[in-house]
Amino acid sequence: MRPFRVACEGIFHAIRTERNMRVHLISALLVFAVATWLQTTRMENLILLGWVTLVLSLELMNTAIERAVDLVTKDVRPLAKQAKDVAAGAVLVASVGAAVTALIIFGPRLWNMLY
């Protein structure tokens, strides 16, 4: 039970301290609200859940990498910057993939509602 509690503490810490984590959580809630409204299929919901889980997980890893780098050095060092930039890049790649997937799933339904 302790590992679960410790993991939850880490998640809640990231939510409290990381603006981007809150943005991703709000985005996830909006995605599932739109999915409910548009009556997406179970398979589509599972695909969306997979992307949301990936983005949130990578945001948590990005936060962990930033903290670890900051623990080692507060100085501006090229390798420290690269580690942080690459971790942030991983979140960006997943976020773009999630957005494209959402457009593919939601787009035709929204288009049909408009026209």
PDB file of N, CA and C in Angstrom:
ATOM      1  N   MET A   1       0.817  -1.195   0.000  1.00  0.00           N
ATOM      2  CA  MET A   1       0.000   0.000   0.000  1.00  0.00           C
ATOM      3  C   MET A   1       0.863   1.263   0.000  1.00  0.00           C
ATOM      4  N   ARG A   2       2.015   1.211   0.660  1.00  0.00           N
ATOM      5  CA  ARG A   2       2.889   2.384   0.712  1.00  0.00           C
ATOM      6  C   ARG A   2       3.367   2.823  -0.662  1.00  0.00           C
ATOM      7  N   PRO A   3       3.797   1.898  -1.550  1.00  0.00           N
ATOM      8  CA  PRO A   3       4.231   2.341  -2.885  1.00  0.00           C
ATOM      9  C   PRO A   3       3.118   3.079  -3.641  1.00  0.00           C
ATOM     10  N   PHE A   4       1.884   2.629  -3.472  1.00  0.00           N
ATOM     11  CA  PHE A   4       0.753   3.282  -4.121  1.00  0.00           C
ATOM     12  C   PHE A   4       0.580   4.696  -3.572  1.00  0.00           C
ATOM     13  N   ARG A   5       0.680   4.833  -2.260  1.00  0.00           N
ATOM     14  CA  ARG A   5       0.527   6.146  -1.622  1.00  0.00           C
ATOM     15  C   ARG A   5       1.645   7.101  -2.060  1.00  0.00           C
ATOM     16  N   VAL A   6       2.872   6.593  -2.111  1.00  0.00           N
ATOM     17  CA  VAL A   6       4.009   7.408  -2.534  1.00  0.00           C
ATOM     18  C   VAL A   6       3.832   7.850  -3.989  1.00  0.00           C
ATOM     19  N   ALA A   7       3.392   6.951  -4.838  1.00  0.00           N
ATOM     20  CA  ALA A   7       3.162   7.294  -6.241  1.00  0.00           C
ATOM     21  C   ALA A   7       2.087   8.376  -6.361  1.00  0.00           C
ATOM     22  N   CYS A   8       1.019   8.240  -5.588  1.00  0.00           N
ATOM     23  CA  CYS A   8      -0.046   9.252  -5.612  1.00  0.00           C
ATOM     24  C   CYS A   8       0.466  10.598  -5.121  1.00  0.00           C
ATOM     25  N   GLU A   9       1.330  10.582  -4.108  1.00  0.00           N
ATOM     26  CA  GLU A   9       1.924  11.833  -3.633  1.00  0.00           C
ATOM     27  C   GLU A   9       2.705  12.519  -4.754  1.00  0.00           C
ATOM     28  N   GLY A  10       3.433  11.723  -5.543  1.00  0.00           N
ATOM     29  CA  GLY A  10       4.177  12.278  -6.672  1.00  0.00           C
ATOM     30  C   GLY A  10       3.255  12.889  -7.717  1.00  0.00           C
ATOM     31  N   ILE A  11       2.175  12.195  -8.019  1.00  0.00           N
ATOM     32  CA  ILE A  11       1.214  12.707  -9.001  1.00  0.00           C
ATOM     33  C   ILE A  11       0.602  14.014  -8.511  1.00  0.00           C
ATOM     34  N   PHE A  12       0.154  14.034  -7.263  1.00  0.00           N
ATOM     35  CA  PHE A  12      -0.476  15.244  -6.721  1.00  0.00           C
ATOM     36  C   PHE A  12       0.518  16.397  -6.607  1.00  0.00           C
ATOM     37  N   HIS A  13       1.772  16.084  -6.308  1.00  0.00           N
ATOM     38  CA  HIS A  13       2.800  17.126  -6.276  1.00  0.00           C
ATOM     39  C   HIS A  13       2.947  17.760  -7.660  1.00  0.00           C
ATOM     40  N   ALA A  14       2.990  16.920  -8.689  1.00  0.00           N
ATOM     41  CA  ALA A  14       3.123  17.438 -10.055  1.00  0.00           C
ATOM     42  C   ALA A  14       1.905  18.285 -10.428  1.00  0.00           C
ATOM     43  N   ILE A  15       0.727  17.862 -10.029  1.00  0.00           N
ATOM     44  CA  ILE A  15      -0.482  18.633 -10.332  1.00  0.00           C
ATOM     45  C   ILE A  15      -0.427  19.996  -9.638  1.00  0.00           C
ATOM     46  N   ARG A  16       0.025  19.997  -8.388  1.00  0.00           N
ATOM     47  CA  ARG A  16       0.093  21.255  -7.628  1.00  0.00           C
ATOM     48  C   ARG A  16       1.165  22.203  -8.154  1.00  0.00           C
ATOM     49  N   THR A  17       2.279  21.668  -8.613  1.00  0.00           N
ATOM     50  CA  THR A  17       3.431  22.519  -8.904  1.00  0.00           C
ATOM     51  C   THR A  17       3.707  22.742 -10.386  1.00  0.00           C
ATOM     52  N   GLU A  18       3.152  21.926 -11.246  1.00  0.00           N
ATOM     53  CA  GLU A  18       3.462  22.020 -12.677  1.00  0.00           C
ATOM     54  C   GLU A  18       2.249  22.493 -13.480  1.00  0.00           C
ATOM     55  N   ARG A  19       2.356  23.696 -14.018  1.00  0.00           N
ATOM     56  CA  ARG A  19       1.275  24.275 -14.809  1.00  0.00           C
ATOM     57  C   ARG A  19       0.902  23.367 -15.979  1.00  0.00           C
ATOM     58  N   ASN A  20       1.904  22.843 -16.679  1.00  0.00           N
ATOM     59  CA  ASN A  20       1.611  21.998 -17.845  1.00  0.00           C
ATOM     60  C   ASN A  20       0.867  20.727 -17.460  1.00  0.00           C
ATOM     61  N   MET A  21       1.117  20.199 -16.287  1.00  0.00           N
ATOM     62  CA  MET A  21       0.379  19.016 -15.837  1.00  0.00           C
ATOM     63  C   MET A  21      -1.103  19.360 -15.679  1.00  0.00           C
ATOM     64  N   ARG A  22      -1.378  20.525 -15.130  1.00  0.00           N
ATOM     65  CA  ARG A  22      -2.774  20.951 -14.982  1.00  0.00           C
ATOM     66  C   ARG A  22      -3.416  21.184 -16.355  1.00  0.00           C
ATOM     67  N   VAL A  23      -2.649  21.759 -17.284  1.00  0.00           N
ATOM     68  CA  VAL A  23      -3.161  21.968 -18.644  1.00  0.00           C
ATOM     69  C   VAL A  23      -3.504  20.626 -19.285  1.00  0.00           C
ATOM     70  N   HIS A  24      -2.623  19.650 -19.135  1.00  0.00           N
ATOM     71  CA  HIS A  24      -2.878  18.327 -19.725  1.00  0.00           C
ATOM     72  C   HIS A  24      -4.083  17.657 -19.079  1.00  0.00           C
ATOM     73  N   LEU A  25      -4.247  17.807 -17.778  1.00  0.00           N
ATOM     74  CA  LEU A  25      -5.410  17.216 -17.104  1.00  0.00           C
ATOM     75  C   LEU A  25      -6.710  17.861 -17.578  1.00  0.00           C
ATOM     76  N   ILE A  26      -6.725  19.180 -17.684  1.00  0.00           N
ATOM     77  CA  ILE A  26      -7.918  19.872 -18.185  1.00  0.00           C
ATOM     78  C   ILE A  26      -8.205  19.452 -19.619  1.00  0.00           C
ATOM     79  N   SER A  27      -7.165  19.333 -20.427  1.00  0.00           N
ATOM     80  CA  SER A  27      -7.333  18.880 -21.808  1.00  0.00           C
ATOM     81  C   SER A  27      -7.924  17.474 -21.846  1.00  0.00           C
ATOM     82  N   ALA A  28      -7.450  16.606 -20.968  1.00  0.00           N
ATOM     83  CA  ALA A  28      -7.969  15.239 -20.920  1.00  0.00           C
ATOM     84  C   ALA A  28      -9.455  15.234 -20.566  1.00  0.00           C
ATOM     85  N   LEU A  29      -9.836  16.049 -19.585  1.00  0.00           N
ATOM     86  CA  LEU A  29     -11.250  16.131 -19.214  1.00  0.00           C
ATOM     87  C   LEU A  29     -12.087  16.639 -20.384  1.00  0.00           C
ATOM     88  N   LEU A  30     -11.576  17.622 -21.103  1.00  0.00           N
ATOM     89  CA  LEU A  30     -12.297  18.128 -22.276  1.00  0.00           C
ATOM     90  C   LEU A  30     -12.421  17.071 -23.367  1.00  0.00           C
ATOM     91  N   VAL A  31     -11.345  16.320 -23.580  1.00  0.00           N
ATOM     92  CA  VAL A  31     -11.376  15.249 -24.587  1.00  0.00           C
ATOM     93  C   VAL A  31     -12.470  14.247 -24.256  1.00  0.00           C
ATOM     94  N   PHE A  32     -12.542  13.836 -22.995  1.00  0.00           N
ATOM     95  CA  PHE A  32     -13.545  12.829 -22.638  1.00  0.00           C
ATOM     96  C   PHE A  32     -14.958  13.417 -22.600  1.00  0.00           C
ATOM     97  N   ALA A  33     -15.074  14.705 -22.312  1.00  0.00           N
ATOM     98  CA  ALA A  33     -16.390  15.352 -22.391  1.00  0.00           C
ATOM     99  C   ALA A  33     -16.864  15.393 -23.843  1.00  0.00           C
ATOM    100  N   VAL A  34     -15.962  15.767 -24.750  1.00  0.00           N
ATOM    101  CA  VAL A  34     -16.313  15.798 -26.177  1.00  0.00           C
ATOM    102  C   VAL A  34     -16.604  14.384 -26.681  1.00  0.00           C
ATOM    103  N   ALA A  35     -15.814  13.416 -26.242  1.00  0.00           N
ATOM    104  CA  ALA A  35     -16.041  12.028 -26.661  1.00  0.00           C
ATOM    105  C   ALA A  35     -17.426  11.548 -26.216  1.00  0.00           C
ATOM    106  N   THR A  36     -17.818  11.920 -25.024  1.00  0.00           N
ATOM    107  CA  THR A  36     -19.151  11.551 -24.533  1.00  0.00           C
ATOM    108  C   THR A  36     -20.229  12.242 -25.353  1.00  0.00           C
ATOM    109  N   TRP A  37     -20.040  13.527 -25.592  1.00  0.00           N
ATOM    110  CA  TRP A  37     -21.000  14.306 -26.367  1.00  0.00           C
ATOM    111  C   TRP A  37     -21.161  13.759 -27.780  1.00  0.00           C
ATOM    112  N   LEU A  38     -20.041  13.381 -28.403  1.00  0.00           N
ATOM    113  CA  LEU A  38     -20.072  12.873 -29.778  1.00  0.00           C
ATOM    114  C   LEU A  38     -20.354  11.373 -29.863  1.00  0.00           C
ATOM    115  N   GLN A  39     -20.516  10.745 -28.710  1.00  0.00           N
ATOM    116  CA  GLN A  39     -20.832   9.311 -28.642  1.00  0.00           C
ATOM    117  C   GLN A  39     -19.828   8.462 -29.425  1.00  0.00           C
ATOM    118  N   THR A  40     -18.549   8.637 -29.078  1.00  0.00           N
ATOM    119  CA  THR A  40     -17.508   7.845 -29.719  1.00  0.00           C
ATOM    120  C   THR A  40     -17.642   6.383 -29.296  1.00  0.00           C
ATOM    121  N   THR A  41     -17.057   5.518 -30.082  1.00  0.00           N
ATOM    122  CA  THR A  41     -17.144   4.081 -29.812  1.00  0.00           C
ATOM    123  C   THR A  41     -16.213   3.686 -28.672  1.00  0.00           C
ATOM    124  N   ARG A  42     -16.408   2.495 -28.180  1.00  0.00           N
ATOM    125  CA  ARG A  42     -15.537   1.975 -27.126  1.00  0.00           C
ATOM    126  C   ARG A  42     -14.083   1.936 -27.588  1.00  0.00           C
ATOM    127  N   MET A  43     -13.845   1.491 -28.813  1.00  0.00           N
ATOM    128  CA  MET A  43     -12.482   1.423 -29.340  1.00  0.00           C
ATOM    129  C   MET A  43     -11.869   2.819 -29.450  1.00  0.00           C
ATOM    130  N   GLU A  44     -12.635   3.778 -29.928  1.00  0.00           N
ATOM    131  CA  GLU A  44     -12.140   5.156 -30.004  1.00  0.00           C
ATOM    132  C   GLU A  44     -11.806   5.696 -28.611  1.00  0.00           C
ATOM    133  N   ASN A  45     -12.657   5.383 -27.642  1.00  0.00           N
ATOM    134  CA  ASN A  45     -12.394   5.821 -26.264  1.00  0.00           C
ATOM    135  C   ASN A  45     -11.125   5.180 -25.709  1.00  0.00           C
ATOM    136  N   LEU A  46     -10.900   3.936 -26.036  1.00  0.00           N
ATOM    137  CA  LEU A  46      -9.671   3.271 -25.587  1.00  0.00           C
ATOM    138  C   LEU A  46      -8.437   3.902 -26.229  1.00  0.00           C
ATOM    139  N   ILE A  47      -8.543   4.263 -27.496  1.00  0.00           N
ATOM    140  CA  ILE A  47      -7.430   4.932 -28.174  1.00  0.00           C
ATOM    141  C   ILE A  47      -7.158   6.283 -27.514  1.00  0.00           C
ATOM    142  N   LEU A  48      -8.208   7.046 -27.264  1.00  0.00           N
ATOM    143  CA  LEU A  48      -8.048   8.343 -26.594  1.00  0.00           C
ATOM    144  C   LEU A  48      -7.459   8.170 -25.195  1.00  0.00           C
ATOM    145  N   LEU A  49      -7.931   7.167 -24.470  1.00  0.00           N
ATOM    146  CA  LEU A  49      -7.394   6.892 -23.132  1.00  0.00           C
ATOM    147  C   LEU A  49      -5.906   6.566 -23.197  1.00  0.00           C
ATOM    148  N   GLY A  50      -5.505   5.805 -24.206  1.00  0.00           N
ATOM    149  CA  GLY A  50      -4.094   5.469 -24.360  1.00  0.00           C
ATOM    150  C   GLY A  50      -3.241   6.710 -24.571  1.00  0.00           C
ATOM    151  N   TRP A  51      -3.706   7.608 -25.416  1.00  0.00           N
ATOM    152  CA  TRP A  51      -2.953   8.847 -25.669  1.00  0.00           C
ATOM    153  C   TRP A  51      -2.911   9.733 -24.428  1.00  0.00           C
ATOM    154  N   VAL A  52      -4.041   9.860 -23.737  1.00  0.00           N
ATOM    155  CA  VAL A  52      -4.083  10.679 -22.521  1.00  0.00           C
ATOM    156  C   VAL A  52      -3.122  10.111 -21.482  1.00  0.00           C
ATOM    157  N   THR A  53      -3.147   8.808 -21.313  1.00  0.00           N
ATOM    158  CA  THR A  53      -2.251   8.160 -20.354  1.00  0.00           C
ATOM    159  C   THR A  53      -0.793   8.396 -20.726  1.00  0.00           C
ATOM    160  N   LEU A  54      -0.485   8.280 -22.011  1.00  0.00           N
ATOM    161  CA  LEU A  54       0.888   8.501 -22.470  1.00  0.00           C
ATOM    162  C   LEU A  54       1.343   9.937 -22.190  1.00  0.00           C
ATOM    163  N   VAL A  55       0.514  10.910 -22.536  1.00  0.00           N
ATOM    164  CA  VAL A  55       0.888  12.313 -22.337  1.00  0.00           C
ATOM    165  C   VAL A  55       1.082  12.616 -20.852  1.00  0.00           C
ATOM    166  N   LEU A  56       0.147  12.179 -20.012  1.00  0.00           N
ATOM    167  CA  LEU A  56       0.268  12.440 -18.573  1.00  0.00           C
ATOM    168  C   LEU A  56       1.497  11.743 -17.989  1.00  0.00           C
ATOM    169  N   SER A  57       1.749  10.527 -18.416  1.00  0.00           N
ATOM    170  CA  SER A  57       2.926   9.796 -17.927  1.00  0.00           C
ATOM    171  C   SER A  57       4.215  10.491 -18.334  1.00  0.00           C
ATOM    172  N   LEU A  58       4.282  10.942 -19.578  1.00  0.00           N
ATOM    173  CA  LEU A  58       5.483  11.634 -20.031  1.00  0.00           C
ATOM    174  C   LEU A  58       5.658  12.974 -19.326  1.00  0.00           C
ATOM    175  N   GLU A  59       4.567  13.638 -19.019  1.00  0.00           N
ATOM    176  CA  GLU A  59       4.663  14.892 -18.259  1.00  0.00           C
ATOM    177  C   GLU A  59       5.220  14.622 -16.858  1.00  0.00           C
ATOM    178  N   LEU A  60       4.796  13.533 -16.243  1.00  0.00           N
ATOM    179  CA  LEU A  60       5.349  13.152 -14.937  1.00  0.00           C
ATOM    180  C   LEU A  60       6.837  12.838 -15.047  1.00  0.00           C
ATOM    181  N   MET A  61       7.227  12.111 -16.093  1.00  0.00           N
ATOM    182  CA  MET A  61       8.645  11.798 -16.294  1.00  0.00           C
ATOM    183  C   MET A  61       9.449  13.073 -16.556  1.00  0.00           C
ATOM    184  N   ASN A  62       8.887  13.990 -17.321  1.00  0.00           N
ATOM    185  CA  ASN A  62       9.549  15.256 -17.591  1.00  0.00           C
ATOM    186  C   ASN A  62       9.800  16.009 -16.282  1.00  0.00           C
ATOM    187  N   THR A  63       8.806  16.023 -15.422  1.00  0.00           N
ATOM    188  CA  THR A  63       8.955  16.683 -14.122  1.00  0.00           C
ATOM    189  C   THR A  63      10.048  16.010 -13.304  1.00  0.00           C
ATOM    190  N   ALA A  64      10.070  14.679 -13.312  1.00  0.00           N
ATOM    191  CA  ALA A  64      11.093  13.947 -12.555  1.00  0.00           C
ATOM    192  C   ALA A  64      12.490  14.254 -13.095  1.00  0.00           C
ATOM    193  N   ILE A  65      12.636  14.305 -14.404  1.00  0.00           N
ATOM    194  CA  ILE A  65      13.939  14.607 -15.004  1.00  0.00           C
ATOM    195  C   ILE A  65      14.367  16.031 -14.656  1.00  0.00           C
ATOM    196  N   GLU A  66      13.434  16.968 -14.733  1.00  0.00           N
ATOM    197  CA  GLU A  66      13.769  18.349 -14.363  1.00  0.00           C
ATOM    198  C   GLU A  66      14.238  18.432 -12.913  1.00  0.00           C
ATOM    199  N   ARG A  67      13.542  17.745 -12.014  1.00  0.00           N
ATOM    200  CA  ARG A  67      13.924  17.770 -10.597  1.00  0.00           C
ATOM    201  C   ARG A  67      15.308  17.132 -10.393  1.00  0.00           C
ATOM    202  N   ALA A  68      15.545  16.011 -11.060  1.00  0.00           N
ATOM    203  CA  ALA A  68      16.838  15.331 -10.909  1.00  0.00           C
ATOM    204  C   ALA A  68      17.977  16.197 -11.427  1.00  0.00           C
ATOM    205  N   VAL A  69      17.770  16.838 -12.564  1.00  0.00           N
ATOM    206  CA  VAL A  69      18.803  17.718 -13.125  1.00  0.00           C
ATOM    207  C   VAL A  69      19.046  18.895 -12.180  1.00  0.00           C
ATOM    208  N   ASP A  70      17.966  19.486 -11.666  1.00  0.00           N
ATOM    209  CA  ASP A  70      18.112  20.612 -10.742  1.00  0.00           C
ATOM    210  C   ASP A  70      18.799  20.200  -9.444  1.00  0.00           C
ATOM    211  N   LEU A  71      18.632  18.953  -9.051  1.00  0.00           N
ATOM    212  CA  LEU A  71      19.302  18.439  -7.854  1.00  0.00           C
ATOM    213  C   LEU A  71      20.815  18.392  -8.061  1.00  0.00           C
ATOM    214  N   VAL A  72      21.225  18.060  -9.260  1.00  0.00           N
ATOM    215  CA  VAL A  72      22.646  17.932  -9.580  1.00  0.00           C
ATOM    216  C   VAL A  72      23.302  19.290  -9.787  1.00  0.00           C
ATOM    217  N   THR A  73      22.600  20.197 -10.491  1.00  0.00           N
ATOM    218  CA  THR A  73      23.208  21.500 -10.768  1.00  0.00           C
ATOM    219  C   THR A  73      22.143  22.565 -10.980  1.00  0.00           C
ATOM    220  N   LYS A  74      22.418  23.739 -10.469  1.00  0.00           N
ATOM    221  CA  LYS A  74      21.570  24.904 -10.738  1.00  0.00           C
ATOM    222  C   LYS A  74      22.209  25.769 -11.819  1.00  0.00           C
ATOM    223  N   ASP A  75      23.458  25.462 -12.143  1.00  0.00           N
ATOM    224  CA  ASP A  75      24.170  26.216 -13.176  1.00  0.00           C
ATOM    225  C   ASP A  75      23.606  25.888 -14.552  1.00  0.00           C
ATOM    226  N   VAL A  76      23.754  26.837 -15.463  1.00  0.00           N
ATOM    227  CA  VAL A  76      23.376  26.592 -16.853  1.00  0.00           C
ATOM    228  C   VAL A  76      24.482  25.759 -17.483  1.00  0.00           C
ATOM    229  N   ARG A  77      24.160  24.497 -17.751  1.00  0.00           N
ATOM    230  CA  ARG A  77      25.132  23.580 -18.340  1.00  0.00           C
ATOM    231  C   ARG A  77      24.490  22.945 -19.568  1.00  0.00           C
ATOM    232  N   PRO A  78      25.250  22.817 -20.642  1.00  0.00           N
ATOM    233  CA  PRO A  78      24.678  22.297 -21.893  1.00  0.00           C
ATOM    234  C   PRO A  78      24.009  20.926 -21.736  1.00  0.00           C
ATOM    235  N   LEU A  79      24.632  19.999 -21.036  1.00  0.00           N
ATOM    236  CA  LEU A  79      24.037  18.670 -20.897  1.00  0.00           C
ATOM    237  C   LEU A  79      22.764  18.697 -20.045  1.00  0.00           C
ATOM    238  N   ALA A  80      22.753  19.533 -19.024  1.00  0.00           N
ATOM    239  CA  ALA A  80      21.547  19.667 -18.196  1.00  0.00           C
ATOM    240  C   ALA A  80      20.405  20.229 -19.032  1.00  0.00           C
ATOM    241  N   LYS A  81      20.709  21.250 -19.823  1.00  0.00           N
ATOM    242  CA  LYS A  81      19.696  21.843 -20.697  1.00  0.00           C
ATOM    243  C   LYS A  81      19.199  20.818 -21.712  1.00  0.00           C
ATOM    244  N   GLN A  82      20.104  20.056 -22.288  1.00  0.00           N
ATOM    245  CA  GLN A  82      19.707  19.053 -23.269  1.00  0.00           C
ATOM    246  C   GLN A  82      18.797  18.001 -22.645  1.00  0.00           C
ATOM    247  N   ALA A  83      19.118  17.552 -21.437  1.00  0.00           N
ATOM    248  CA  ALA A  83      18.286  16.548 -20.767  1.00  0.00           C
ATOM    249  C   ALA A  83      16.866  17.080 -20.571  1.00  0.00           C
ATOM    250  N   LYS A  84      16.768  18.318 -20.106  1.00  0.00           N
ATOM    251  CA  LYS A  84      15.448  18.923 -19.905  1.00  0.00           C
ATOM    252  C   LYS A  84      14.726  19.124 -21.235  1.00  0.00           C
ATOM    253  N   ASP A  85      15.436  19.587 -22.242  1.00  0.00           N
ATOM    254  CA  ASP A  85      14.820  19.848 -23.544  1.00  0.00           C
ATOM    255  C   ASP A  85      14.316  18.560 -24.198  1.00  0.00           C
ATOM    256  N   VAL A  86      15.106  17.501 -24.096  1.00  0.00           N
ATOM    257  CA  VAL A  86      14.700  16.232 -24.698  1.00  0.00           C
ATOM    258  C   VAL A  86      13.462  15.675 -23.985  1.00  0.00           C
ATOM    259  N   ALA A  87      13.438  15.770 -22.662  1.00  0.00           N
ATOM    260  CA  ALA A  87      12.270  15.302 -21.911  1.00  0.00           C
ATOM    261  C   ALA A  87      11.027  16.108 -22.298  1.00  0.00           C
ATOM    262  N   ALA A  88      11.184  17.423 -22.412  1.00  0.00           N
ATOM    263  CA  ALA A  88      10.061  18.263 -22.839  1.00  0.00           C
ATOM    264  C   ALA A  88       9.646  17.918 -24.266  1.00  0.00           C
ATOM    265  N   GLY A  89      10.615  17.603 -25.106  1.00  0.00           N
ATOM    266  CA  GLY A  89      10.314  17.201 -26.477  1.00  0.00           C
ATOM    267  C   GLY A  89       9.478  15.939 -26.540  1.00  0.00           C
ATOM    268  N   ALA A  90       9.750  14.997 -25.654  1.00  0.00           N
ATOM    269  CA  ALA A  90       8.960  13.762 -25.609  1.00  0.00           C
ATOM    270  C   ALA A  90       7.497  14.067 -25.301  1.00  0.00           C
ATOM    271  N   VAL A  91       7.259  14.986 -24.387  1.00  0.00           N
ATOM    272  CA  VAL A  91       5.887  15.387 -24.059  1.00  0.00           C
ATOM    273  C   VAL A  91       5.245  16.051 -25.273  1.00  0.00           C
ATOM    274  N   LEU A  92       5.997  16.907 -25.957  1.00  0.00           N
ATOM    275  CA  LEU A  92       5.469  17.592 -27.137  1.00  0.00           C
ATOM    276  C   LEU A  92       5.091  16.600 -28.234  1.00  0.00           C
ATOM    277  N   VAL A  93       5.957  15.641 -28.502  1.00  0.00           N
ATOM    278  CA  VAL A  93       5.671  14.643 -29.550  1.00  0.00           C
ATOM    279  C   VAL A  93       4.386  13.887 -29.218  1.00  0.00           C
ATOM    280  N   ALA A  94       4.251  13.445 -27.975  1.00  0.00           N
ATOM    281  CA  ALA A  94       3.045  12.714 -27.577  1.00  0.00           C
ATOM    282  C   ALA A  94       1.810  13.612 -27.642  1.00  0.00           C
ATOM    283  N   SER A  95       1.960  14.866 -27.247  1.00  0.00           N
ATOM    284  CA  SER A  95       0.826  15.789 -27.275  1.00  0.00           C
ATOM    285  C   SER A  95       0.341  16.034 -28.700  1.00  0.00           C
ATOM    286  N   VAL A  96       1.266  16.176 -29.628  1.00  0.00           N
ATOM    287  CA  VAL A  96       0.890  16.357 -31.032  1.00  0.00           C
ATOM    288  C   VAL A  96       0.203  15.094 -31.550  1.00  0.00           C
ATOM    289  N   GLY A  97       0.753  13.930 -31.209  1.00  0.00           N
ATOM    290  CA  GLY A  97       0.111  12.676 -31.614  1.00  0.00           C
ATOM    291  C   GLY A  97      -1.295  12.559 -31.062  1.00  0.00           C
ATOM    292  N   ALA A  98      -1.480  12.963 -29.811  1.00  0.00           N
ATOM    293  CA  ALA A  98      -2.803  12.918 -29.189  1.00  0.00           C
ATOM    294  C   ALA A  98      -3.760  13.877 -29.886  1.00  0.00           C
ATOM    295  N   ALA A  99      -3.276  15.073 -30.202  1.00  0.00           N
ATOM    296  CA  ALA A  99      -4.130  16.064 -30.867  1.00  0.00           C
ATOM    297  C   ALA A  99      -4.541  15.602 -32.264  1.00  0.00           C
ATOM    298  N   VAL A 100      -3.602  15.037 -33.007  1.00  0.00           N
ATOM    299  CA  VAL A 100      -3.915  14.534 -34.347  1.00  0.00           C
ATOM    300  C   VAL A 100      -4.930  13.398 -34.256  1.00  0.00           C
ATOM    301  N   THR A 101      -4.735  12.511 -33.304  1.00  0.00           N
ATOM    302  CA  THR A 101      -5.681  11.403 -33.118  1.00  0.00           C
ATOM    303  C   THR A 101      -7.072  11.935 -32.781  1.00  0.00           C
ATOM    304  N   ALA A 102      -7.138  12.919 -31.889  1.00  0.00           N
ATOM    305  CA  ALA A 102      -8.433  13.505 -31.535  1.00  0.00           C
ATOM    306  C   ALA A 102      -9.095  14.137 -32.760  1.00  0.00           C
ATOM    307  N   LEU A 103      -8.309  14.806 -33.597  1.00  0.00           N
ATOM    308  CA  LEU A 103      -8.873  15.390 -34.821  1.00  0.00           C
ATOM    309  C   LEU A 103      -9.414  14.311 -35.757  1.00  0.00           C
ATOM    310  N   ILE A 104      -8.687  13.208 -35.860  1.00  0.00           N
ATOM    311  CA  ILE A 104      -9.134  12.116 -36.729  1.00  0.00           C
ATOM    312  C   ILE A 104     -10.434  11.507 -36.205  1.00  0.00           C
ATOM    313  N   ILE A 105     -10.538  11.373 -34.892  1.00  0.00           N
ATOM    314  CA  ILE A 105     -11.738  10.768 -34.299  1.00  0.00           C
ATOM    315  C   ILE A 105     -12.902  11.755 -34.269  1.00  0.00           C
ATOM    316  N   PHE A 106     -12.648  12.988 -33.823  1.00  0.00           N
ATOM    317  CA  PHE A 106     -13.723  13.956 -33.651  1.00  0.00           C
ATOM    318  C   PHE A 106     -14.076  14.695 -34.937  1.00  0.00           C
ATOM    319  N   GLY A 107     -13.087  14.918 -35.791  1.00  0.00           N
ATOM    320  CA  GLY A 107     -13.285  15.746 -36.975  1.00  0.00           C
ATOM    321  C   GLY A 107     -14.480  15.375 -37.830  1.00  0.00           C
ATOM    322  N   PRO A 108     -14.579  14.132 -38.282  1.00  0.00           N
ATOM    323  CA  PRO A 108     -15.720  13.775 -39.140  1.00  0.00           C
ATOM    324  C   PRO A 108     -17.077  13.977 -38.452  1.00  0.00           C
ATOM    325  N   ARG A 109     -17.155  13.672 -37.180  1.00  0.00           N
ATOM    326  CA  ARG A 109     -18.417  13.858 -36.458  1.00  0.00           C
ATOM    327  C   ARG A 109     -18.778  15.351 -36.374  1.00  0.00           C
ATOM    328  N   LEU A 110     -17.775  16.164 -36.061  1.00  0.00           N
ATOM    329  CA  LEU A 110     -18.030  17.609 -35.980  1.00  0.00           C
ATOM    330  C   LEU A 110     -18.381  18.179 -37.344  1.00  0.00           C
ATOM    331  N   TRP A 111     -17.685  17.714 -38.377  1.00  0.00           N
ATOM    332  CA  TRP A 111     -17.964  18.160 -39.741  1.00  0.00           C
ATOM    333  C   TRP A 111     -19.401  17.834 -40.132  1.00  0.00           C
ATOM    334  N   ASN A 112     -19.843  16.615 -39.818  1.00  0.00           N
ATOM    335  CA  ASN A 112     -21.207  16.194 -40.149  1.00  0.00           C
ATOM    336  C   ASN A 112     -22.254  16.995 -39.376  1.00  0.00           C
ATOM    337  N   MET A 113     -21.907  17.434 -38.175  1.00  0.00           N
ATOM    338  CA  MET A 113     -22.845  18.241 -37.390  1.00  0.00           C
ATOM    339  C   MET A 113     -23.000  19.639 -37.999  1.00  0.00           C
ATOM    340  N   LEU A 114     -21.914  20.135 -38.595  1.00  0.00           N
ATOM    341  CA  LEU A 114     -21.939  21.489 -39.158  1.00  0.00           C
ATOM    342  C   LEU A 114     -22.544  21.531 -40.562  1.00  0.00           C
ATOM    343  N   TYR A 115     -22.358  20.436 -41.328  1.00  0.00           N
ATOM    344  CA  TYR A 115     -22.791  20.457 -42.728  1.00  0.00           C
ATOM    345  C   TYR A 115     -23.679  19.305 -43.073  1.00  0.00           C
TER     346      TYR A 115
END
